[in-house]
N, C-alpha and C. Protein backbone atom coordinates (compact mmCIF):
# COMPACT_ATOMS: atom_id res chain seq x y z
N UNK A 1 0.85 -1.18 0.00
CA UNK A 1 0.00 0.00 0.00
C UNK A 1 0.89 1.24 0.00
N UNK A 2 0.56 2.18 -0.84
CA UNK A 2 1.27 3.46 -0.93
C UNK A 2 0.25 4.57 -0.73
N UNK A 3 0.45 5.35 0.32
CA UNK A 3 -0.50 6.42 0.68
C UNK A 3 0.24 7.74 0.75
N UNK A 4 -0.30 8.73 0.04
CA UNK A 4 0.29 10.07 0.03
C UNK A 4 -0.68 11.02 0.74
N UNK A 5 -0.20 11.73 1.76
CA UNK A 5 -1.03 12.62 2.56
C UNK A 5 -0.56 14.06 2.36
N UNK A 6 -1.51 14.93 2.02
CA UNK A 6 -1.23 16.35 1.76
C UNK A 6 -2.11 17.20 2.67
N UNK A 7 -1.57 18.31 3.13
CA UNK A 7 -2.35 19.26 3.90
C UNK A 7 -1.46 20.39 4.38
N UNK A 8 -2.09 21.43 4.86
CA UNK A 8 -1.38 22.60 5.37
C UNK A 8 -0.73 22.29 6.70
N UNK A 9 0.10 23.22 7.16
CA UNK A 9 0.64 23.14 8.51
C UNK A 9 -0.55 23.10 9.48
N UNK A 10 -0.50 22.20 10.45
CA UNK A 10 -1.57 22.09 11.43
C UNK A 10 -2.76 21.25 10.98
N UNK A 11 -2.68 20.64 9.81
CA UNK A 11 -3.82 19.85 9.31
C UNK A 11 -3.85 18.45 9.90
N UNK A 12 -2.73 18.00 10.45
CA UNK A 12 -2.66 16.66 11.03
C UNK A 12 -1.96 15.65 10.14
N UNK A 13 -1.22 16.12 9.14
CA UNK A 13 -0.52 15.23 8.20
C UNK A 13 0.39 14.25 8.92
N UNK A 14 1.26 14.77 9.75
CA UNK A 14 2.27 13.93 10.40
C UNK A 14 1.61 12.95 11.37
N UNK A 15 0.66 13.44 12.14
CA UNK A 15 -0.04 12.57 13.09
C UNK A 15 -0.74 11.43 12.35
N UNK A 16 -1.47 11.76 11.29
CA UNK A 16 -2.16 10.74 10.52
C UNK A 16 -1.17 9.78 9.87
N UNK A 17 -0.11 10.31 9.28
CA UNK A 17 0.88 9.46 8.61
C UNK A 17 1.52 8.49 9.59
N UNK A 18 1.82 8.95 10.79
CA UNK A 18 2.41 8.04 11.79
C UNK A 18 1.43 6.93 12.17
N UNK A 19 0.17 7.28 12.35
CA UNK A 19 -0.84 6.27 12.69
C UNK A 19 -1.00 5.24 11.57
N UNK A 20 -1.10 5.72 10.35
CA UNK A 20 -1.30 4.82 9.21
C UNK A 20 -0.07 3.94 9.00
N UNK A 21 1.12 4.53 9.08
CA UNK A 21 2.35 3.75 8.90
C UNK A 21 2.47 2.67 9.97
N UNK A 22 2.12 3.01 11.20
CA UNK A 22 2.16 2.01 12.29
C UNK A 22 1.12 0.91 12.05
N UNK A 23 -0.08 1.31 11.65
CA UNK A 23 -1.16 0.34 11.41
C UNK A 23 -0.79 -0.61 10.28
N UNK A 24 -0.24 -0.08 9.20
CA UNK A 24 0.10 -0.90 8.04
C UNK A 24 1.51 -1.48 8.10
N UNK A 25 2.28 -1.04 9.09
CA UNK A 25 3.67 -1.47 9.27
C UNK A 25 4.48 -1.20 8.01
N UNK A 26 4.43 0.07 7.59
CA UNK A 26 5.18 0.52 6.41
C UNK A 26 5.99 1.74 6.80
N UNK A 27 7.03 2.07 6.02
CA UNK A 27 7.83 3.27 6.32
C UNK A 27 7.02 4.55 6.14
N UNK A 28 7.36 5.55 6.93
CA UNK A 28 6.73 6.87 6.88
C UNK A 28 7.80 7.90 6.54
N UNK A 29 7.50 8.73 5.56
CA UNK A 29 8.42 9.77 5.12
C UNK A 29 7.74 11.13 5.15
N UNK A 30 8.48 12.15 5.58
CA UNK A 30 8.01 13.54 5.54
C UNK A 30 8.75 14.25 4.42
N UNK A 31 8.04 14.93 3.53
CA UNK A 31 8.74 15.60 2.42
C UNK A 31 9.70 16.67 2.92
N UNK A 32 9.42 17.25 4.09
CA UNK A 32 10.36 18.23 4.66
C UNK A 32 11.75 17.62 4.84
N UNK A 33 11.80 16.33 5.16
CA UNK A 33 13.09 15.69 5.40
C UNK A 33 13.85 15.40 4.11
N UNK A 34 13.20 15.52 2.97
CA UNK A 34 13.91 15.45 1.70
C UNK A 34 14.47 16.83 1.36
N UNK A 35 13.76 17.86 1.76
CA UNK A 35 14.16 19.24 1.48
C UNK A 35 15.28 19.68 2.40
N UNK A 36 15.19 19.30 3.67
CA UNK A 36 16.11 19.81 4.69
C UNK A 36 17.03 18.73 5.23
N UNK A 37 18.27 19.09 5.42
CA UNK A 37 19.24 18.25 6.11
C UNK A 37 19.33 18.83 7.52
N UNK A 38 18.79 18.10 8.49
CA UNK A 38 18.73 18.59 9.87
C UNK A 38 20.10 18.41 10.53
N UNK A 39 20.67 19.52 10.96
CA UNK A 39 21.98 19.55 11.61
C UNK A 39 21.83 20.13 13.01
N UNK A 40 22.70 19.76 13.94
CA UNK A 40 22.63 20.34 15.29
C UNK A 40 22.74 21.86 15.29
N UNK A 41 23.45 22.40 14.30
CA UNK A 41 23.64 23.85 14.22
C UNK A 41 22.52 24.55 13.45
N UNK A 42 21.59 23.77 12.90
CA UNK A 42 20.49 24.35 12.13
C UNK A 42 20.26 23.57 10.85
N UNK A 43 19.11 23.77 10.28
CA UNK A 43 18.75 23.06 9.06
C UNK A 43 19.44 23.67 7.85
N UNK A 44 19.88 22.80 6.95
CA UNK A 44 20.51 23.22 5.71
C UNK A 44 19.68 22.64 4.57
N UNK A 45 19.31 23.49 3.62
CA UNK A 45 18.50 23.04 2.48
C UNK A 45 19.35 22.14 1.58
N UNK A 46 18.81 20.96 1.26
CA UNK A 46 19.48 20.05 0.32
C UNK A 46 19.44 20.64 -1.08
N UNK A 47 20.46 20.32 -1.86
CA UNK A 47 20.44 20.67 -3.28
C UNK A 47 19.27 19.92 -3.91
N UNK A 48 18.70 20.48 -4.98
CA UNK A 48 17.53 19.86 -5.61
C UNK A 48 17.80 18.42 -6.07
N UNK A 49 19.00 18.16 -6.61
CA UNK A 49 19.28 16.80 -7.07
C UNK A 49 19.35 15.82 -5.90
N UNK A 50 19.86 16.26 -4.76
CA UNK A 50 19.89 15.42 -3.55
C UNK A 50 18.47 15.18 -3.06
N UNK A 51 17.68 16.25 -2.97
CA UNK A 51 16.29 16.15 -2.55
C UNK A 51 15.53 15.16 -3.44
N UNK A 52 15.68 15.34 -4.75
CA UNK A 52 14.96 14.49 -5.70
C UNK A 52 15.39 13.03 -5.61
N UNK A 53 16.68 12.78 -5.41
CA UNK A 53 17.17 11.41 -5.29
C UNK A 53 16.64 10.75 -4.01
N UNK A 54 16.67 11.48 -2.89
CA UNK A 54 16.13 10.95 -1.64
C UNK A 54 14.65 10.62 -1.79
N UNK A 55 13.93 11.52 -2.43
CA UNK A 55 12.49 11.33 -2.63
C UNK A 55 12.23 10.11 -3.53
N UNK A 56 12.94 10.04 -4.61
CA UNK A 56 12.76 8.94 -5.56
C UNK A 56 13.08 7.59 -4.90
N UNK A 57 14.11 7.56 -4.09
CA UNK A 57 14.45 6.32 -3.37
C UNK A 57 13.29 5.88 -2.48
N UNK A 58 12.65 6.82 -1.81
CA UNK A 58 11.51 6.49 -0.95
C UNK A 58 10.33 6.00 -1.78
N UNK A 59 10.02 6.71 -2.85
CA UNK A 59 8.87 6.38 -3.69
C UNK A 59 9.03 4.99 -4.31
N UNK A 60 10.24 4.58 -4.61
CA UNK A 60 10.47 3.29 -5.26
C UNK A 60 10.33 2.11 -4.31
N UNK A 61 10.19 2.37 -3.03
CA UNK A 61 9.95 1.26 -2.10
C UNK A 61 8.57 0.66 -2.38
N UNK A 62 8.38 -0.58 -1.99
CA UNK A 62 7.14 -1.28 -2.32
C UNK A 62 5.94 -0.79 -1.52
N UNK A 63 6.17 -0.24 -0.34
CA UNK A 63 5.09 0.26 0.52
C UNK A 63 5.59 1.50 1.24
N UNK A 64 4.68 2.46 1.44
CA UNK A 64 5.06 3.65 2.18
C UNK A 64 3.86 4.53 2.49
N UNK A 65 4.10 5.45 3.43
CA UNK A 65 3.23 6.59 3.66
C UNK A 65 4.14 7.80 3.54
N UNK A 66 3.79 8.69 2.63
CA UNK A 66 4.54 9.94 2.47
C UNK A 66 3.59 11.08 2.75
N UNK A 67 4.07 12.06 3.53
CA UNK A 67 3.22 13.21 3.82
C UNK A 67 4.02 14.49 3.65
N UNK A 68 3.28 15.53 3.23
CA UNK A 68 3.92 16.83 3.09
C UNK A 68 3.02 17.83 2.40
N UNK A 69 3.59 19.00 2.21
CA UNK A 69 2.84 20.10 1.63
C UNK A 69 3.46 20.52 0.29
N UNK A 70 4.48 19.82 -0.14
CA UNK A 70 5.18 20.21 -1.36
C UNK A 70 4.43 19.77 -2.60
N UNK A 71 4.64 20.53 -3.67
CA UNK A 71 3.91 20.28 -4.91
C UNK A 71 4.89 20.33 -6.09
N UNK A 72 4.52 19.67 -7.14
CA UNK A 72 5.24 19.57 -8.42
C UNK A 72 6.40 18.58 -8.38
N UNK A 73 7.39 18.76 -7.54
CA UNK A 73 8.49 17.79 -7.52
C UNK A 73 8.08 16.47 -6.86
N UNK A 74 6.88 16.41 -6.32
CA UNK A 74 6.38 15.20 -5.66
C UNK A 74 5.43 14.39 -6.55
N UNK A 75 5.27 14.79 -7.80
CA UNK A 75 4.33 14.13 -8.71
C UNK A 75 4.59 12.64 -8.87
N UNK A 76 5.84 12.24 -8.81
CA UNK A 76 6.19 10.82 -8.95
C UNK A 76 5.42 9.96 -7.93
N UNK A 77 5.30 10.46 -6.70
CA UNK A 77 4.58 9.71 -5.66
C UNK A 77 3.07 9.73 -5.90
N UNK A 78 2.56 10.86 -6.36
CA UNK A 78 1.12 10.94 -6.63
C UNK A 78 0.71 9.93 -7.69
N UNK A 79 1.55 9.75 -8.69
CA UNK A 79 1.24 8.81 -9.77
C UNK A 79 1.13 7.37 -9.28
N UNK A 80 2.01 6.97 -8.38
CA UNK A 80 2.04 5.57 -7.96
C UNK A 80 1.28 5.30 -6.66
N UNK A 81 0.83 6.35 -5.99
CA UNK A 81 0.09 6.14 -4.73
C UNK A 81 -1.21 5.39 -4.99
N UNK A 82 -1.54 4.50 -4.07
CA UNK A 82 -2.84 3.82 -4.12
C UNK A 82 -3.95 4.77 -3.68
N UNK A 83 -3.62 5.61 -2.70
CA UNK A 83 -4.58 6.60 -2.21
C UNK A 83 -3.84 7.91 -1.94
N UNK A 84 -4.54 9.01 -2.24
CA UNK A 84 -4.05 10.35 -1.92
C UNK A 84 -5.06 10.94 -0.94
N UNK A 85 -4.56 11.36 0.20
CA UNK A 85 -5.41 11.95 1.23
C UNK A 85 -5.13 13.44 1.29
N UNK A 86 -6.17 14.23 1.06
CA UNK A 86 -6.05 15.69 1.17
C UNK A 86 -6.76 16.11 2.46
N UNK A 87 -5.96 16.52 3.46
CA UNK A 87 -6.52 16.97 4.72
C UNK A 87 -6.91 18.44 4.58
N UNK A 88 -8.16 18.66 4.32
CA UNK A 88 -8.70 20.01 4.09
C UNK A 88 -9.40 20.50 5.36
N UNK A 89 -8.65 20.53 6.43
CA UNK A 89 -9.15 20.93 7.75
C UNK A 89 -9.37 22.45 7.75
N UNK A 90 -10.46 22.93 8.35
CA UNK A 90 -10.73 24.37 8.37
C UNK A 90 -9.58 25.20 8.97
N UNK A 91 -9.42 26.40 8.45
CA UNK A 91 -8.32 27.29 8.86
C UNK A 91 -8.33 27.53 10.37
N UNK A 92 -9.49 27.79 10.96
CA UNK A 92 -9.51 28.09 12.40
C UNK A 92 -9.03 26.90 13.23
N UNK A 93 -9.34 25.69 12.82
CA UNK A 93 -8.88 24.50 13.54
C UNK A 93 -7.36 24.34 13.37
N UNK A 94 -6.86 24.60 12.16
CA UNK A 94 -5.40 24.52 11.93
C UNK A 94 -4.68 25.57 12.75
N UNK A 95 -5.26 26.76 12.85
CA UNK A 95 -4.65 27.84 13.64
C UNK A 95 -4.53 27.43 15.11
N UNK A 96 -5.60 26.87 15.66
CA UNK A 96 -5.57 26.40 17.04
C UNK A 96 -4.50 25.32 17.22
N UNK A 97 -4.39 24.41 16.26
CA UNK A 97 -3.40 23.34 16.35
C UNK A 97 -1.97 23.88 16.32
N UNK A 98 -1.74 24.93 15.51
CA UNK A 98 -0.42 25.55 15.46
C UNK A 98 -0.06 26.11 16.84
N UNK A 99 -1.00 26.80 17.46
CA UNK A 99 -0.77 27.38 18.79
C UNK A 99 -0.51 26.28 19.81
N UNK A 100 -1.37 25.25 19.81
CA UNK A 100 -1.22 24.15 20.77
C UNK A 100 0.11 23.42 20.56
N UNK A 101 0.47 23.18 19.31
CA UNK A 101 1.72 22.49 19.02
C UNK A 101 2.92 23.28 19.53
N UNK A 102 2.92 24.58 19.30
CA UNK A 102 4.04 25.42 19.73
C UNK A 102 4.20 25.35 21.24
N UNK A 103 3.12 25.45 21.97
CA UNK A 103 3.18 25.37 23.44
C UNK A 103 3.71 24.00 23.87
N UNK A 104 3.20 22.94 23.25
CA UNK A 104 3.64 21.58 23.59
C UNK A 104 5.13 21.39 23.26
N UNK A 105 5.60 22.01 22.19
CA UNK A 105 7.01 21.91 21.84
C UNK A 105 7.88 22.65 22.85
N UNK A 106 7.45 23.84 23.25
CA UNK A 106 8.21 24.60 24.25
C UNK A 106 8.29 23.85 25.58
N UNK A 107 7.20 23.14 25.91
CA UNK A 107 7.16 22.37 27.15
C UNK A 107 7.85 21.01 27.01
N UNK A 108 8.37 20.74 25.78
CA UNK A 108 9.04 19.47 25.46
C UNK A 108 8.12 18.26 25.61
N UNK A 109 6.83 18.48 25.41
CA UNK A 109 5.84 17.40 25.40
C UNK A 109 5.75 16.79 24.01
N UNK A 110 6.00 17.61 23.00
CA UNK A 110 5.91 17.16 21.61
C UNK A 110 7.27 17.30 20.95
N UNK A 111 7.71 16.22 20.31
CA UNK A 111 8.99 16.20 19.62
C UNK A 111 8.86 16.87 18.26
N UNK A 112 9.95 17.50 17.81
CA UNK A 112 9.91 18.25 16.56
C UNK A 112 11.27 18.13 15.86
N UNK A 113 11.27 18.25 14.52
CA UNK A 113 12.51 18.16 13.74
C UNK A 113 13.29 19.49 13.69
N UNK A 114 12.71 20.55 14.21
CA UNK A 114 13.30 21.88 14.12
C UNK A 114 13.25 22.51 15.51
N UNK A 115 13.97 23.62 15.67
CA UNK A 115 13.95 24.33 16.95
C UNK A 115 12.70 25.23 16.97
N UNK A 116 11.82 25.04 17.95
CA UNK A 116 10.58 25.84 17.99
C UNK A 116 10.85 27.28 18.47
N UNK A 117 11.05 28.14 17.51
CA UNK A 117 11.31 29.55 17.82
C UNK A 117 10.07 30.38 17.53
N UNK A 118 10.04 31.56 18.07
CA UNK A 118 8.93 32.48 17.81
C UNK A 118 8.86 32.82 16.32
N UNK A 119 10.02 32.92 15.67
CA UNK A 119 10.05 33.20 14.23
C UNK A 119 9.34 32.11 13.44
N UNK A 120 9.64 30.85 13.75
CA UNK A 120 8.98 29.74 13.05
C UNK A 120 7.49 29.74 13.37
N UNK A 121 7.16 30.00 14.63
CA UNK A 121 5.75 30.05 15.05
C UNK A 121 4.97 31.03 14.19
N UNK A 122 5.49 32.25 14.00
CA UNK A 122 4.80 33.25 13.19
C UNK A 122 4.77 32.84 11.71
N UNK A 123 5.85 32.20 11.25
CA UNK A 123 5.88 31.74 9.86
C UNK A 123 4.78 30.72 9.59
N UNK A 124 4.49 29.90 10.60
CA UNK A 124 3.45 28.88 10.41
C UNK A 124 2.09 29.51 10.09
N UNK A 125 1.80 30.65 10.69
CA UNK A 125 0.55 31.35 10.39
C UNK A 125 0.56 31.85 8.95
N UNK A 126 1.70 32.37 8.51
CA UNK A 126 1.82 32.83 7.12
C UNK A 126 1.71 31.65 6.15
N UNK A 127 2.37 30.53 6.49
CA UNK A 127 2.32 29.35 5.64
C UNK A 127 0.89 28.83 5.57
N UNK A 128 0.19 28.87 6.67
CA UNK A 128 -1.20 28.40 6.72
C UNK A 128 -2.08 29.23 5.78
N UNK A 129 -1.92 30.54 5.83
CA UNK A 129 -2.69 31.43 4.96
C UNK A 129 -2.29 31.24 3.49
N UNK A 130 -0.98 31.12 3.25
CA UNK A 130 -0.50 30.91 1.88
C UNK A 130 -1.05 29.61 1.31
N UNK A 131 -1.06 28.56 2.11
CA UNK A 131 -1.61 27.29 1.66
C UNK A 131 -3.05 27.46 1.23
N UNK A 132 -3.84 28.10 2.08
CA UNK A 132 -5.27 28.26 1.82
C UNK A 132 -5.52 29.06 0.54
N UNK A 133 -4.75 30.12 0.36
CA UNK A 133 -5.00 31.03 -0.77
C UNK A 133 -4.33 30.58 -2.07
N UNK A 134 -3.13 29.99 -1.98
CA UNK A 134 -2.35 29.68 -3.18
C UNK A 134 -2.25 28.18 -3.48
N UNK A 135 -1.84 27.43 -2.49
CA UNK A 135 -1.52 26.02 -2.74
C UNK A 135 -2.75 25.13 -2.83
N UNK A 136 -3.72 25.36 -1.98
CA UNK A 136 -4.92 24.52 -1.99
C UNK A 136 -5.57 24.47 -3.37
N UNK A 137 -5.79 25.61 -4.02
CA UNK A 137 -6.37 25.54 -5.38
C UNK A 137 -5.48 24.76 -6.36
N UNK A 138 -4.15 24.88 -6.21
CA UNK A 138 -3.24 24.13 -7.08
C UNK A 138 -3.38 22.64 -6.86
N UNK A 139 -3.43 22.23 -5.59
CA UNK A 139 -3.58 20.80 -5.30
C UNK A 139 -4.91 20.28 -5.83
N UNK A 140 -5.98 21.01 -5.59
CA UNK A 140 -7.30 20.56 -6.05
C UNK A 140 -7.29 20.37 -7.57
N UNK A 141 -6.71 21.31 -8.27
CA UNK A 141 -6.63 21.18 -9.73
C UNK A 141 -5.75 19.99 -10.12
N UNK A 142 -4.61 19.83 -9.48
CA UNK A 142 -3.70 18.72 -9.78
C UNK A 142 -4.37 17.37 -9.53
N UNK A 143 -5.17 17.29 -8.47
CA UNK A 143 -5.78 16.02 -8.08
C UNK A 143 -6.93 15.59 -8.99
N UNK A 144 -7.42 16.48 -9.84
CA UNK A 144 -8.54 16.13 -10.74
C UNK A 144 -8.24 14.90 -11.58
N UNK A 145 -7.00 14.72 -11.98
CA UNK A 145 -6.66 13.59 -12.86
C UNK A 145 -6.57 12.26 -12.11
N UNK A 146 -6.56 12.30 -10.79
CA UNK A 146 -6.39 11.07 -10.01
C UNK A 146 -7.71 10.44 -9.57
N UNK A 147 -8.82 11.07 -9.89
CA UNK A 147 -10.14 10.48 -9.67
C UNK A 147 -10.40 9.98 -8.26
N UNK A 148 -10.85 8.72 -8.18
CA UNK A 148 -11.34 8.18 -6.91
C UNK A 148 -10.24 7.80 -5.92
N UNK A 149 -8.99 7.87 -6.34
CA UNK A 149 -7.95 7.57 -5.35
C UNK A 149 -7.66 8.78 -4.44
N UNK A 150 -8.29 9.92 -4.74
CA UNK A 150 -8.14 11.11 -3.88
C UNK A 150 -9.31 11.14 -2.89
N UNK A 151 -8.96 11.31 -1.62
CA UNK A 151 -9.97 11.42 -0.56
C UNK A 151 -9.79 12.79 0.11
N UNK A 152 -10.84 13.59 0.07
CA UNK A 152 -10.82 14.91 0.71
C UNK A 152 -11.43 14.76 2.10
N UNK A 153 -10.62 14.93 3.13
CA UNK A 153 -11.08 14.77 4.50
C UNK A 153 -11.08 16.14 5.17
N UNK A 154 -12.27 16.56 5.65
CA UNK A 154 -12.43 17.92 6.18
C UNK A 154 -12.66 17.98 7.69
N UNK A 155 -13.02 16.86 8.28
CA UNK A 155 -13.33 16.86 9.72
C UNK A 155 -12.59 15.70 10.40
N UNK A 156 -12.49 15.79 11.72
CA UNK A 156 -11.90 14.70 12.49
C UNK A 156 -12.67 13.41 12.27
N UNK A 157 -13.99 13.52 12.16
CA UNK A 157 -14.82 12.33 11.96
C UNK A 157 -14.51 11.66 10.62
N UNK A 158 -14.33 12.46 9.57
CA UNK A 158 -13.98 11.88 8.27
C UNK A 158 -12.62 11.20 8.33
N UNK A 159 -11.68 11.79 9.06
CA UNK A 159 -10.36 11.18 9.21
C UNK A 159 -10.49 9.85 9.95
N UNK A 160 -11.26 9.84 11.04
CA UNK A 160 -11.47 8.59 11.81
C UNK A 160 -12.13 7.52 10.95
N UNK A 161 -13.12 7.90 10.16
CA UNK A 161 -13.79 6.93 9.27
C UNK A 161 -12.82 6.36 8.25
N UNK A 162 -11.99 7.21 7.67
CA UNK A 162 -11.00 6.75 6.70
C UNK A 162 -10.01 5.80 7.38
N UNK A 163 -9.57 6.14 8.59
CA UNK A 163 -8.65 5.26 9.33
C UNK A 163 -9.28 3.89 9.57
N UNK A 164 -10.57 3.88 9.90
CA UNK A 164 -11.27 2.60 10.09
C UNK A 164 -11.27 1.79 8.80
N UNK A 165 -11.49 2.45 7.67
CA UNK A 165 -11.47 1.76 6.37
C UNK A 165 -10.10 1.14 6.11
N UNK A 166 -9.05 1.86 6.43
CA UNK A 166 -7.68 1.35 6.25
C UNK A 166 -7.49 0.12 7.12
N UNK A 167 -7.94 0.19 8.36
CA UNK A 167 -7.80 -0.92 9.29
C UNK A 167 -8.58 -2.14 8.82
N UNK A 168 -9.82 -1.92 8.34
CA UNK A 168 -10.64 -3.02 7.82
C UNK A 168 -9.99 -3.59 6.57
N UNK A 169 -9.50 -2.73 5.70
CA UNK A 169 -8.84 -3.18 4.48
C UNK A 169 -7.62 -4.03 4.79
N UNK A 170 -6.87 -3.67 5.81
CA UNK A 170 -5.70 -4.45 6.23
C UNK A 170 -6.15 -5.82 6.71
N UNK A 171 -7.21 -5.86 7.50
CA UNK A 171 -7.71 -7.14 8.02
C UNK A 171 -8.16 -8.06 6.89
N UNK A 172 -8.85 -7.49 5.91
CA UNK A 172 -9.32 -8.30 4.78
C UNK A 172 -8.16 -8.80 3.94
N UNK A 173 -7.13 -7.96 3.79
CA UNK A 173 -5.94 -8.36 3.04
C UNK A 173 -5.23 -9.52 3.75
N UNK A 174 -5.12 -9.43 5.08
CA UNK A 174 -4.47 -10.50 5.85
C UNK A 174 -5.25 -11.81 5.76
N UNK A 175 -6.58 -11.75 5.73
CA UNK A 175 -7.40 -12.96 5.64
C UNK A 175 -7.24 -13.65 4.30
N UNK A 176 -7.01 -12.88 3.26
CA UNK A 176 -6.91 -13.45 1.92
C UNK A 176 -5.54 -14.06 1.65
N UNK A 177 -4.59 -13.84 2.54
CA UNK A 177 -3.22 -14.37 2.32
C UNK A 177 -3.10 -15.80 2.77
């Protein structure tokens, strides 16, 4: 099974991807980790050829969950994914999640790949707005060609229902083996 999860900052991409990867026992990849080389002294942006090679290596695996907000250079995964999940969570809910996440990171309750600074915190609000105004329409248009393998999930209940379907599908797959 290959599942690609897309959504804005605060949409729940990483949380959902971790749950699905654990349930299906498949590798989980974040597109940010193809873009950035995380160093103790700070993140360094990978060269595009390095980013693309890392991404391609992940996509060529037989099973995976990939999540992120990047577009265009990730088309290879969209083509081969069995399902594409678009987390279209309302802006106000994403905003609350950004605030809650930042507090949890400062309290060291939530682990993060980057240093939770006030600068990043404010950038997340800008990224959230940019996603809604610019990227979301691009993704919706891009996803038109993928038909029924795209699932638009807008509420926690829809996410839970989709997770149940994945779990049931896994059980049925195991019974048929």
